[in-house]
All heavy atoms as atom14 arrays in JSON, in Angstrom:
{
  "sequence": "AIALGGMVQSWLETSGTARMSSQELIHMLNLTVTGNIEAALIRAANE",
  "atom14_mask": [
    [1, 1, 1, 1, 1, 0, 0, 0, 0, 0, 0, 0, 0, 0],
    [1, 1, 1, 1, 1, 1, 1, 1, 0, 0, 0, 0, 0, 0],
    [1, 1, 1, 1, 1, 0, 0, 0, 0, 0, 0, 0, 0, 0],
    [1, 1, 1, 1, 1, 1, 1, 1, 0, 0, 0, 0, 0, 0],
    [1, 1, 1, 1, 0, 0, 0, 0, 0, 0, 0, 0, 0, 0],
    [1, 1, 1, 1, 0, 0, 0, 0, 0, 0, 0, 0, 0, 0],
    [1, 1, 1, 1, 1, 1, 1, 1, 0, 0, 0, 0, 0, 0],
    [1, 1, 1, 1, 1, 1, 1, 0, 0, 0, 0, 0, 0, 0],
    [1, 1, 1, 1, 1, 1, 1, 1, 1, 0, 0, 0, 0, 0],
    [1, 1, 1, 1, 1, 1, 0, 0, 0, 0, 0, 0, 0, 0],
    [1, 1, 1, 1, 1, 1, 1, 1, 1, 1, 1, 1, 1, 1],
    [1, 1, 1, 1, 1, 1, 1, 1, 0, 0, 0, 0, 0, 0],
    [1, 1, 1, 1, 1, 1, 1, 1, 1, 0, 0, 0, 0, 0],
    [1, 1, 1, 1, 1, 1, 1, 0, 0, 0, 0, 0, 0, 0],
    [1, 1, 1, 1, 1, 1, 0, 0, 0, 0, 0, 0, 0, 0],
    [1, 1, 1, 1, 0, 0, 0, 0, 0, 0, 0, 0, 0, 0],
    [1, 1, 1, 1, 1, 1, 1, 0, 0, 0, 0, 0, 0, 0],
    [1, 1, 1, 1, 1, 0, 0, 0, 0, 0, 0, 0, 0, 0],
    [1, 1, 1, 1, 1, 1, 1, 1, 1, 1, 1, 0, 0, 0],
    [1, 1, 1, 1, 1, 1, 1, 1, 0, 0, 0, 0, 0, 0],
    [1, 1, 1, 1, 1, 1, 0, 0, 0, 0, 0, 0, 0, 0],
    [1, 1, 1, 1, 1, 1, 0, 0, 0, 0, 0, 0, 0, 0],
    [1, 1, 1, 1, 1, 1, 1, 1, 1, 0, 0, 0, 0, 0],
    [1, 1, 1, 1, 1, 1, 1, 1, 1, 0, 0, 0, 0, 0],
    [1, 1, 1, 1, 1, 1, 1, 1, 0, 0, 0, 0, 0, 0],
    [1, 1, 1, 1, 1, 1, 1, 1, 0, 0, 0, 0, 0, 0],
    [1, 1, 1, 1, 1, 1, 1, 1, 1, 1, 0, 0, 0, 0],
    [1, 1, 1, 1, 1, 1, 1, 1, 0, 0, 0, 0, 0, 0],
    [1, 1, 1, 1, 1, 1, 1, 1, 0, 0, 0, 0, 0, 0],
    [1, 1, 1, 1, 1, 1, 1, 1, 0, 0, 0, 0, 0, 0],
    [1, 1, 1, 1, 1, 1, 1, 1, 0, 0, 0, 0, 0, 0],
    [1, 1, 1, 1, 1, 1, 1, 0, 0, 0, 0, 0, 0, 0],
    [1, 1, 1, 1, 1, 1, 1, 0, 0, 0, 0, 0, 0, 0],
    [1, 1, 1, 1, 1, 1, 1, 0, 0, 0, 0, 0, 0, 0],
    [1, 1, 1, 1, 0, 0, 0, 0, 0, 0, 0, 0, 0, 0],
    [1, 1, 1, 1, 1, 1, 1, 1, 0, 0, 0, 0, 0, 0],
    [1, 1, 1, 1, 1, 1, 1, 1, 0, 0, 0, 0, 0, 0],
    [1, 1, 1, 1, 1, 1, 1, 1, 1, 0, 0, 0, 0, 0],
    [1, 1, 1, 1, 1, 0, 0, 0, 0, 0, 0, 0, 0, 0],
    [1, 1, 1, 1, 1, 0, 0, 0, 0, 0, 0, 0, 0, 0],
    [1, 1, 1, 1, 1, 1, 1, 1, 0, 0, 0, 0, 0, 0],
    [1, 1, 1, 1, 1, 1, 1, 1, 0, 0, 0, 0, 0, 0],
    [1, 1, 1, 1, 1, 1, 1, 1, 1, 1, 1, 0, 0, 0],
    [1, 1, 1, 1, 1, 0, 0, 0, 0, 0, 0, 0, 0, 0],
    [1, 1, 1, 1, 1, 0, 0, 0, 0, 0, 0, 0, 0, 0],
    [1, 1, 1, 1, 1, 1, 1, 1, 0, 0, 0, 0, 0, 0],
    [1, 1, 1, 1, 1, 1, 1, 1, 1, 0, 0, 0, 0, 0]
  ],
  "atom14_positions": [
    [[4.27, 7.47, -1.69], [3.97, 8.14, -0.42], [2.52, 8.6, -0.39], [1.81, 8.44, 0.61], [4.91, 9.32, -0.2], [0.0, 0.0, 0.0], [0.0, 0.0, 0.0], [0.0, 0.0, 0.0], [0.0, 0.0, 0.0], [0.0, 0.0, 0.0], [0.0, 0.0, 0.0], [0.0, 0.0, 0.0], [0.0, 0.0, 0.0], [0.0, 0.0, 0.0]],
    [[2.06, 9.18, -1.51], [0.66, 9.63, -1.59], [-0.29, 8.44, -1.55], [-1.31, 8.46, -0.84], [0.44, 10.46, -2.87], [1.2, 11.79, -2.77], [-1.05, 10.71, -3.11], [1.19, 12.61, -4.05], [0.0, 0.0, 0.0], [0.0, 0.0, 0.0], [0.0, 0.0, 0.0], [0.0, 0.0, 0.0], [0.0, 0.0, 0.0], [0.0, 0.0, 0.0]],
    [[0.02, 7.4, -2.31], [-0.86, 6.23, -2.36], [-0.96, 5.54, -1.0], [-2.06, 5.26, -0.51], [-0.35, 5.25, -3.41], [0.0, 0.0, 0.0], [0.0, 0.0, 0.0], [0.0, 0.0, 0.0], [0.0, 0.0, 0.0], [0.0, 0.0, 0.0], [0.0, 0.0, 0.0], [0.0, 0.0, 0.0], [0.0, 0.0, 0.0], [0.0, 0.0, 0.0]],
    [[0.18, 5.29, -0.37], [0.17, 4.6, 0.92], [-0.41, 5.49, 2.01], [-1.15, 5.02, 2.88], [1.59, 4.15, 1.29], [2.18, 3.08, 0.38], [3.62, 2.79, 0.77], [1.37, 1.8, 0.46], [0.0, 0.0, 0.0], [0.0, 0.0, 0.0], [0.0, 0.0, 0.0], [0.0, 0.0, 0.0], [0.0, 0.0, 0.0], [0.0, 0.0, 0.0]],
    [[-0.07, 6.79, 1.96], [-0.62, 7.72, 2.94], [-2.13, 7.81, 2.84], [-2.83, 7.87, 3.86], [0.0, 0.0, 0.0], [0.0, 0.0, 0.0], [0.0, 0.0, 0.0], [0.0, 0.0, 0.0], [0.0, 0.0, 0.0], [0.0, 0.0, 0.0], [0.0, 0.0, 0.0], [0.0, 0.0, 0.0], [0.0, 0.0, 0.0], [0.0, 0.0, 0.0]],
    [[-2.65, 7.79, 1.62], [-4.09, 7.81, 1.41], [-4.76, 6.57, 1.98], [-5.85, 6.66, 2.58], [0.0, 0.0, 0.0], [0.0, 0.0, 0.0], [0.0, 0.0, 0.0], [0.0, 0.0, 0.0], [0.0, 0.0, 0.0], [0.0, 0.0, 0.0], [0.0, 0.0, 0.0], [0.0, 0.0, 0.0], [0.0, 0.0, 0.0], [0.0, 0.0, 0.0]],
    [[-4.13, 5.42, 1.83], [-4.68, 4.18, 2.38], [-4.7, 4.23, 3.9], [-5.68, 3.8, 4.53], [-3.86, 2.98, 1.9], [-4.05, 2.64, 0.44], [-5.75, 2.18, 0.03], [-6.02, 0.77, 1.09], [0.0, 0.0, 0.0], [0.0, 0.0, 0.0], [0.0, 0.0, 0.0], [0.0, 0.0, 0.0], [0.0, 0.0, 0.0], [0.0, 0.0, 0.0]],
    [[-3.63, 4.75, 4.49], [-3.57, 4.85, 5.96], [-4.65, 5.79, 6.48], [-5.35, 5.48, 7.45], [-2.17, 5.33, 6.41], [-2.17, 5.68, 7.9], [-1.12, 4.27, 6.12], [0.0, 0.0, 0.0], [0.0, 0.0, 0.0], [0.0, 0.0, 0.0], [0.0, 0.0, 0.0], [0.0, 0.0, 0.0], [0.0, 0.0, 0.0], [0.0, 0.0, 0.0]],
    [[-4.82, 6.93, 5.81], [-5.83, 7.89, 6.26], [-7.23, 7.31, 6.1], [-8.09, 7.47, 6.99], [-5.74, 9.19, 5.47], [-6.71, 10.25, 5.96], [-6.4, 11.63, 5.41], [-5.26, 11.95, 5.11], [-7.43, 12.45, 5.28], [0.0, 0.0, 0.0], [0.0, 0.0, 0.0], [0.0, 0.0, 0.0], [0.0, 0.0, 0.0], [0.0, 0.0, 0.0]],
    [[-7.49, 6.62, 4.99], [-8.79, 5.98, 4.78], [-9.06, 4.95, 5.86], [-10.17, 4.84, 6.39], [-8.83, 5.33, 3.39], [-10.02, 4.61, 3.21], [0.0, 0.0, 0.0], [0.0, 0.0, 0.0], [0.0, 0.0, 0.0], [0.0, 0.0, 0.0], [0.0, 0.0, 0.0], [0.0, 0.0, 0.0], [0.0, 0.0, 0.0], [0.0, 0.0, 0.0]],
    [[-8.03, 4.19, 6.23], [-8.15, 3.17, 7.28], [-8.5, 3.82, 8.62], [-9.38, 3.35, 9.34], [-6.84, 2.4, 7.38], [-6.82, 1.37, 8.47], [-7.35, 0.12, 8.43], [-6.23, 1.52, 9.77], [-7.12, -0.53, 9.63], [-6.44, 0.3, 10.46], [-5.53, 2.54, 10.4], [-5.98, 0.1, 11.76], [-5.07, 2.34, 11.69], [-5.29, 1.13, 12.37]],
    [[-7.84, 4.93, 8.93], [-8.11, 5.62, 10.19], [-9.52, 6.17, 10.25], [-10.15, 6.19, 11.32], [-7.11, 6.78, 10.37], [-5.71, 6.4, 10.85], [-4.77, 7.59, 10.69], [-5.74, 5.93, 12.29], [0.0, 0.0, 0.0], [0.0, 0.0, 0.0], [0.0, 0.0, 0.0], [0.0, 0.0, 0.0], [0.0, 0.0, 0.0], [0.0, 0.0, 0.0]],
    [[-10.04, 6.61, 9.12], [-11.36, 7.24, 9.08], [-12.49, 6.22, 9.0], [-13.66, 6.58, 9.14], [-11.44, 8.22, 7.9], [-10.54, 9.44, 8.09], [-10.49, 10.32, 6.86], [-10.95, 9.88, 5.79], [-9.98, 11.45, 6.97], [0.0, 0.0, 0.0], [0.0, 0.0, 0.0], [0.0, 0.0, 0.0], [0.0, 0.0, 0.0], [0.0, 0.0, 0.0]],
    [[-12.14, 4.94, 8.79], [-13.14, 3.87, 8.78], [-13.33, 3.36, 10.2], [-12.36, 3.15, 10.91], [-12.7, 2.72, 7.86], [-12.47, 3.22, 6.55], [-13.76, 1.63, 7.81], [0.0, 0.0, 0.0], [0.0, 0.0, 0.0], [0.0, 0.0, 0.0], [0.0, 0.0, 0.0], [0.0, 0.0, 0.0], [0.0, 0.0, 0.0], [0.0, 0.0, 0.0]],
    [[-14.57, 3.16, 10.6], [-14.81, 2.72, 11.96], [-15.62, 1.42, 11.98], [-16.18, 1.0, 10.97], [-15.56, 3.8, 12.76], [-16.79, 4.11, 12.13], [0.0, 0.0, 0.0], [0.0, 0.0, 0.0], [0.0, 0.0, 0.0], [0.0, 0.0, 0.0], [0.0, 0.0, 0.0], [0.0, 0.0, 0.0], [0.0, 0.0, 0.0], [0.0, 0.0, 0.0]],
    [[-15.66, 0.81, 13.15], [-16.47, -0.39, 13.34], [-15.92, -1.62, 12.64], [-14.73, -1.72, 12.35], [0.0, 0.0, 0.0], [0.0, 0.0, 0.0], [0.0, 0.0, 0.0], [0.0, 0.0, 0.0], [0.0, 0.0, 0.0], [0.0, 0.0, 0.0], [0.0, 0.0, 0.0], [0.0, 0.0, 0.0], [0.0, 0.0, 0.0], [0.0, 0.0, 0.0]],
    [[-16.81, -2.54, 12.32], [-16.4, -3.82, 11.74], [-15.9, -3.67, 10.3], [-15.27, -4.59, 9.77], [-17.58, -4.82, 11.74], [-18.68, -4.24, 11.04], [-18.01, -5.12, 13.18], [0.0, 0.0, 0.0], [0.0, 0.0, 0.0], [0.0, 0.0, 0.0], [0.0, 0.0, 0.0], [0.0, 0.0, 0.0], [0.0, 0.0, 0.0], [0.0, 0.0, 0.0]],
    [[-16.18, -2.53, 9.67], [-15.73, -2.32, 8.29], [-14.22, -2.12, 8.21], [-13.63, -2.27, 7.15], [-16.45, -1.12, 7.69], [0.0, 0.0, 0.0], [0.0, 0.0, 0.0], [0.0, 0.0, 0.0], [0.0, 0.0, 0.0], [0.0, 0.0, 0.0], [0.0, 0.0, 0.0], [0.0, 0.0, 0.0], [0.0, 0.0, 0.0], [0.0, 0.0, 0.0]],
    [[-13.6, -1.77, 9.34], [-12.17, -1.49, 9.31], [-11.37, -2.76, 9.58], [-11.56, -3.42, 10.6], [-11.8, -0.42, 10.35], [-10.34, 0.0, 10.2], [-10.04, 1.26, 10.97], [-9.77, 0.99, 12.38], [-9.35, 1.93, 13.23], [-9.19, 3.17, 12.82], [-9.12, 1.62, 14.47], [0.0, 0.0, 0.0], [0.0, 0.0, 0.0], [0.0, 0.0, 0.0]],
    [[-10.48, -3.1, 8.67], [-9.62, -4.26, 8.86], [-8.6, -3.96, 9.95], [-8.36, -2.8, 10.31], [-8.92, -4.63, 7.54], [-7.93, -3.6, 7.04], [-7.12, -4.08, 5.49], [-8.45, -3.86, 4.31], [0.0, 0.0, 0.0], [0.0, 0.0, 0.0], [0.0, 0.0, 0.0], [0.0, 0.0, 0.0], [0.0, 0.0, 0.0], [0.0, 0.0, 0.0]],
    [[-7.98, -5.0, 10.47], [-6.96, -4.8, 11.5], [-5.72, -4.19, 10.87], [-5.51, -4.26, 9.65], [-6.6, -6.14, 12.15], [-5.89, -6.95, 11.22], [0.0, 0.0, 0.0], [0.0, 0.0, 0.0], [0.0, 0.0, 0.0], [0.0, 0.0, 0.0], [0.0, 0.0, 0.0], [0.0, 0.0, 0.0], [0.0, 0.0, 0.0], [0.0, 0.0, 0.0]],
    [[-4.88, -3.58, 11.71], [-3.65, -2.97, 11.2], [-2.75, -4.02, 10.57], [-2.13, -3.77, 9.53], [-2.9, -2.23, 12.32], [-2.58, -3.12, 13.37], [0.0, 0.0, 0.0], [0.0, 0.0, 0.0], [0.0, 0.0, 0.0], [0.0, 0.0, 0.0], [0.0, 0.0, 0.0], [0.0, 0.0, 0.0], [0.0, 0.0, 0.0], [0.0, 0.0, 0.0]],
    [[-2.69, -5.22, 11.15], [-1.85, -6.27, 10.59], [-2.36, -6.73, 9.23], [-1.58, -7.03, 8.33], [-1.77, -7.46, 11.57], [-0.91, -7.2, 12.78], [0.5, -6.78, 12.41], [1.17, -7.42, 11.6], [0.98, -5.7, 13.01], [0.0, 0.0, 0.0], [0.0, 0.0, 0.0], [0.0, 0.0, 0.0], [0.0, 0.0, 0.0], [0.0, 0.0, 0.0]],
    [[-3.68, -6.77, 9.08], [-4.26, -7.15, 7.79], [-3.94, -6.1, 6.73], [-3.6, -6.43, 5.59], [-5.76, -7.34, 7.9], [-6.41, -7.85, 6.63], [-7.91, -8.06, 6.76], [-8.46, -7.79, 7.84], [-8.52, -8.49, 5.75], [0.0, 0.0, 0.0], [0.0, 0.0, 0.0], [0.0, 0.0, 0.0], [0.0, 0.0, 0.0], [0.0, 0.0, 0.0]],
    [[-4.04, -4.83, 7.11], [-3.73, -3.76, 6.16], [-2.27, -3.8, 5.76], [-1.93, -3.67, 4.57], [-4.07, -2.39, 6.76], [-3.75, -1.18, 5.89], [-4.48, -1.25, 4.55], [-4.08, 0.12, 6.6], [0.0, 0.0, 0.0], [0.0, 0.0, 0.0], [0.0, 0.0, 0.0], [0.0, 0.0, 0.0], [0.0, 0.0, 0.0], [0.0, 0.0, 0.0]],
    [[-1.38, -3.98, 6.72], [0.05, -4.1, 6.43], [0.3, -5.25, 5.44], [1.04, -5.11, 4.47], [0.86, -4.32, 7.73], [0.83, -3.05, 8.58], [2.31, -4.71, 7.41], [1.37, -3.26, 9.99], [0.0, 0.0, 0.0], [0.0, 0.0, 0.0], [0.0, 0.0, 0.0], [0.0, 0.0, 0.0], [0.0, 0.0, 0.0], [0.0, 0.0, 0.0]],
    [[-0.36, -6.39, 5.7], [-0.2, -7.56, 4.83], [-0.69, -7.26, 3.41], [-0.02, -7.59, 2.42], [-0.95, -8.75, 5.42], [-0.92, -9.97, 4.56], [0.24, -10.67, 4.3], [-1.91, -10.61, 3.88], [-0.02, -11.7, 3.51], [-1.31, -11.68, 3.23], [0.0, 0.0, 0.0], [0.0, 0.0, 0.0], [0.0, 0.0, 0.0], [0.0, 0.0, 0.0]],
    [[-1.86, -6.62, 3.31], [-2.44, -6.31, 2.0], [-1.56, -5.32, 1.22], [-1.34, -5.48, 0.02], [-3.84, -5.73, 2.16], [-4.84, -6.69, 2.79], [-5.33, -8.03, 1.68], [-6.55, -7.21, 0.69], [0.0, 0.0, 0.0], [0.0, 0.0, 0.0], [0.0, 0.0, 0.0], [0.0, 0.0, 0.0], [0.0, 0.0, 0.0], [0.0, 0.0, 0.0]],
    [[-1.04, -4.31, 1.92], [-0.16, -3.35, 1.26], [1.12, -4.02, 0.79], [1.61, -3.76, -0.31], [0.17, -2.2, 2.22], [-0.97, -1.23, 2.55], [-0.55, -0.26, 3.64], [-1.39, -0.46, 1.3], [0.0, 0.0, 0.0], [0.0, 0.0, 0.0], [0.0, 0.0, 0.0], [0.0, 0.0, 0.0], [0.0, 0.0, 0.0], [0.0, 0.0, 0.0]],
    [[1.66, -4.89, 1.64], [2.9, -5.59, 1.28], [2.69, -6.47, 0.05], [3.54, -6.5, -0.86], [3.37, -6.42, 2.48], [4.85, -6.75, 2.41], [5.67, -5.91, 2.05], [5.21, -7.97, 2.76], [0.0, 0.0, 0.0], [0.0, 0.0, 0.0], [0.0, 0.0, 0.0], [0.0, 0.0, 0.0], [0.0, 0.0, 0.0], [0.0, 0.0, 0.0]],
    [[1.57, -7.17, 0.01], [1.26, -8.01, -1.16], [1.13, -7.18, -2.42], [1.56, -7.59, -3.51], [-0.08, -8.75, -0.93], [-0.07, -10.03, -0.11], [-1.5, -10.55, 0.02], [0.81, -11.09, -0.76], [0.0, 0.0, 0.0], [0.0, 0.0, 0.0], [0.0, 0.0, 0.0], [0.0, 0.0, 0.0], [0.0, 0.0, 0.0], [0.0, 0.0, 0.0]],
    [[0.54, -6.0, -2.29], [0.21, -5.18, -3.44], [1.42, -4.49, -4.06], [1.53, -4.39, -5.28], [-0.84, -4.12, -3.06], [-2.0, -4.78, -2.53], [-1.25, -3.27, -4.25], [0.0, 0.0, 0.0], [0.0, 0.0, 0.0], [0.0, 0.0, 0.0], [0.0, 0.0, 0.0], [0.0, 0.0, 0.0], [0.0, 0.0, 0.0], [0.0, 0.0, 0.0]],
    [[2.35, -4.01, -3.21], [3.4, -3.15, -3.76], [4.8, -3.76, -3.79], [5.68, -3.22, -4.46], [3.47, -1.81, -2.97], [2.16, -1.07, -3.07], [3.83, -2.06, -1.51], [0.0, 0.0, 0.0], [0.0, 0.0, 0.0], [0.0, 0.0, 0.0], [0.0, 0.0, 0.0], [0.0, 0.0, 0.0], [0.0, 0.0, 0.0], [0.0, 0.0, 0.0]],
    [[5.01, -4.89, -3.12], [6.35, -5.48, -3.1], [6.84, -5.79, -4.52], [6.14, -6.41, -5.31], [6.36, -6.77, -2.25], [6.08, -6.42, -0.9], [7.73, -7.44, -2.32], [0.0, 0.0, 0.0], [0.0, 0.0, 0.0], [0.0, 0.0, 0.0], [0.0, 0.0, 0.0], [0.0, 0.0, 0.0], [0.0, 0.0, 0.0], [0.0, 0.0, 0.0]],
    [[8.03, -5.34, -4.83], [8.65, -5.6, -6.13], [8.36, -4.54, -7.17], [9.03, -4.48, -8.2], [0.0, 0.0, 0.0], [0.0, 0.0, 0.0], [0.0, 0.0, 0.0], [0.0, 0.0, 0.0], [0.0, 0.0, 0.0], [0.0, 0.0, 0.0], [0.0, 0.0, 0.0], [0.0, 0.0, 0.0], [0.0, 0.0, 0.0], [0.0, 0.0, 0.0]],
    [[7.36, -3.69, -6.92], [6.95, -2.73, -7.94], [7.98, -1.63, -8.18], [8.2, -1.21, -9.32], [5.6, -2.1, -7.56], [4.45, -3.08, -7.68], [4.61, -4.16, -8.24], [3.31, -2.72, -7.14], [0.0, 0.0, 0.0], [0.0, 0.0, 0.0], [0.0, 0.0, 0.0], [0.0, 0.0, 0.0], [0.0, 0.0, 0.0], [0.0, 0.0, 0.0]],
    [[8.58, -1.14, -7.12], [9.58, -0.06, -7.29], [10.79, -0.59, -8.04], [11.29, 0.05, -8.97], [10.0, 0.52, -5.93], [8.93, 1.48, -5.43], [11.33, 1.26, -6.04], [9.29, 2.21, -4.16], [0.0, 0.0, 0.0], [0.0, 0.0, 0.0], [0.0, 0.0, 0.0], [0.0, 0.0, 0.0], [0.0, 0.0, 0.0], [0.0, 0.0, 0.0]],
    [[11.25, -1.75, -7.65], [12.41, -2.34, -8.32], [12.14, -2.51, -9.81], [12.97, -2.14, -10.66], [12.75, -3.68, -7.69], [13.99, -4.33, -8.28], [14.29, -5.66, -7.6], [13.35, -6.33, -7.14], [15.47, -6.02, -7.55], [0.0, 0.0, 0.0], [0.0, 0.0, 0.0], [0.0, 0.0, 0.0], [0.0, 0.0, 0.0], [0.0, 0.0, 0.0]],
    [[10.97, -3.04, -10.15], [10.61, -3.26, -11.56], [10.51, -1.93, -12.31], [10.97, -1.81, -13.45], [9.29, -4.02, -11.65], [0.0, 0.0, 0.0], [0.0, 0.0, 0.0], [0.0, 0.0, 0.0], [0.0, 0.0, 0.0], [0.0, 0.0, 0.0], [0.0, 0.0, 0.0], [0.0, 0.0, 0.0], [0.0, 0.0, 0.0], [0.0, 0.0, 0.0]],
    [[9.93, -0.92, -11.67], [9.77, 0.38, -12.32], [11.12, 1.04, -12.57], [11.34, 1.65, -13.63], [8.89, 1.28, -11.46], [0.0, 0.0, 0.0], [0.0, 0.0, 0.0], [0.0, 0.0, 0.0], [0.0, 0.0, 0.0], [0.0, 0.0, 0.0], [0.0, 0.0, 0.0], [0.0, 0.0, 0.0], [0.0, 0.0, 0.0], [0.0, 0.0, 0.0]],
    [[12.03, 0.93, -11.62], [13.35, 1.53, -11.79], [14.13, 0.85, -12.92], [14.84, 1.51, -13.69], [14.14, 1.44, -10.48], [13.65, 2.34, -9.34], [14.33, 1.96, -8.03], [13.9, 3.81, -9.67], [0.0, 0.0, 0.0], [0.0, 0.0, 0.0], [0.0, 0.0, 0.0], [0.0, 0.0, 0.0], [0.0, 0.0, 0.0], [0.0, 0.0, 0.0]],
    [[13.97, -0.46, -13.01], [14.65, -1.2, -14.09], [14.1, -0.76, -15.44], [14.84, -0.54, -16.4], [14.5, -2.72, -13.89], [15.33, -3.17, -12.67], [14.94, -3.48, -15.15], [15.09, -4.61, -12.26], [0.0, 0.0, 0.0], [0.0, 0.0, 0.0], [0.0, 0.0, 0.0], [0.0, 0.0, 0.0], [0.0, 0.0, 0.0], [0.0, 0.0, 0.0]],
    [[12.77, -0.62, -15.52], [12.16, -0.16, -16.79], [12.64, 1.25, -17.14], [12.93, 1.53, -18.31], [10.63, -0.18, -16.68], [10.02, -1.57, -16.73], [8.51, -1.48, -16.98], [7.81, -0.82, -15.89], [7.33, -1.45, -14.81], [7.49, -2.75, -14.68], [6.68, -0.77, -13.89], [0.0, 0.0, 0.0], [0.0, 0.0, 0.0], [0.0, 0.0, 0.0]],
    [[12.73, 2.12, -16.14], [13.18, 3.5, -16.39], [14.63, 3.51, -16.9], [14.98, 4.28, -17.8], [13.06, 4.32, -15.12], [0.0, 0.0, 0.0], [0.0, 0.0, 0.0], [0.0, 0.0, 0.0], [0.0, 0.0, 0.0], [0.0, 0.0, 0.0], [0.0, 0.0, 0.0], [0.0, 0.0, 0.0], [0.0, 0.0, 0.0], [0.0, 0.0, 0.0]],
    [[15.44, 2.67, -16.31], [16.84, 2.59, -16.74], [16.96, 2.03, -18.16], [17.76, 2.51, -18.98], [17.65, 1.74, -15.76], [0.0, 0.0, 0.0], [0.0, 0.0, 0.0], [0.0, 0.0, 0.0], [0.0, 0.0, 0.0], [0.0, 0.0, 0.0], [0.0, 0.0, 0.0], [0.0, 0.0, 0.0], [0.0, 0.0, 0.0], [0.0, 0.0, 0.0]],
    [[16.14, 1.02, -18.46], [16.19, 0.39, -19.79], [15.72, 1.35, -20.88], [16.15, 1.26, -22.03], [15.33, -0.87, -19.82], [15.97, -2.02, -19.05], [17.19, -2.02, -18.84], [15.17, -2.98, -18.63], [0.0, 0.0, 0.0], [0.0, 0.0, 0.0], [0.0, 0.0, 0.0], [0.0, 0.0, 0.0], [0.0, 0.0, 0.0], [0.0, 0.0, 0.0]],
    [[14.82, 2.28, -20.52], [14.32, 3.25, -21.5], [15.45, 4.15, -22.02], [15.37, 4.68, -23.12], [13.24, 4.14, -20.87], [11.84, 3.63, -21.1], [10.81, 4.7, -20.77], [11.19, 5.79, -20.31], [9.62, 4.43, -21.0], [0.0, 0.0, 0.0], [0.0, 0.0, 0.0], [0.0, 0.0, 0.0], [0.0, 0.0, 0.0], [0.0, 0.0, 0.0]]
  ]
}
């Protein structure tokens, strides 16, 4: 929540051509975090 919230706030505070589109940001976030929670929970359970 903190990591994603920070990315959203950073995106909002960026202006002009430096700011990617909302769809691009959604795509980049999805690429970056998909599968990570599932893997982390499995590791925690295995510990």
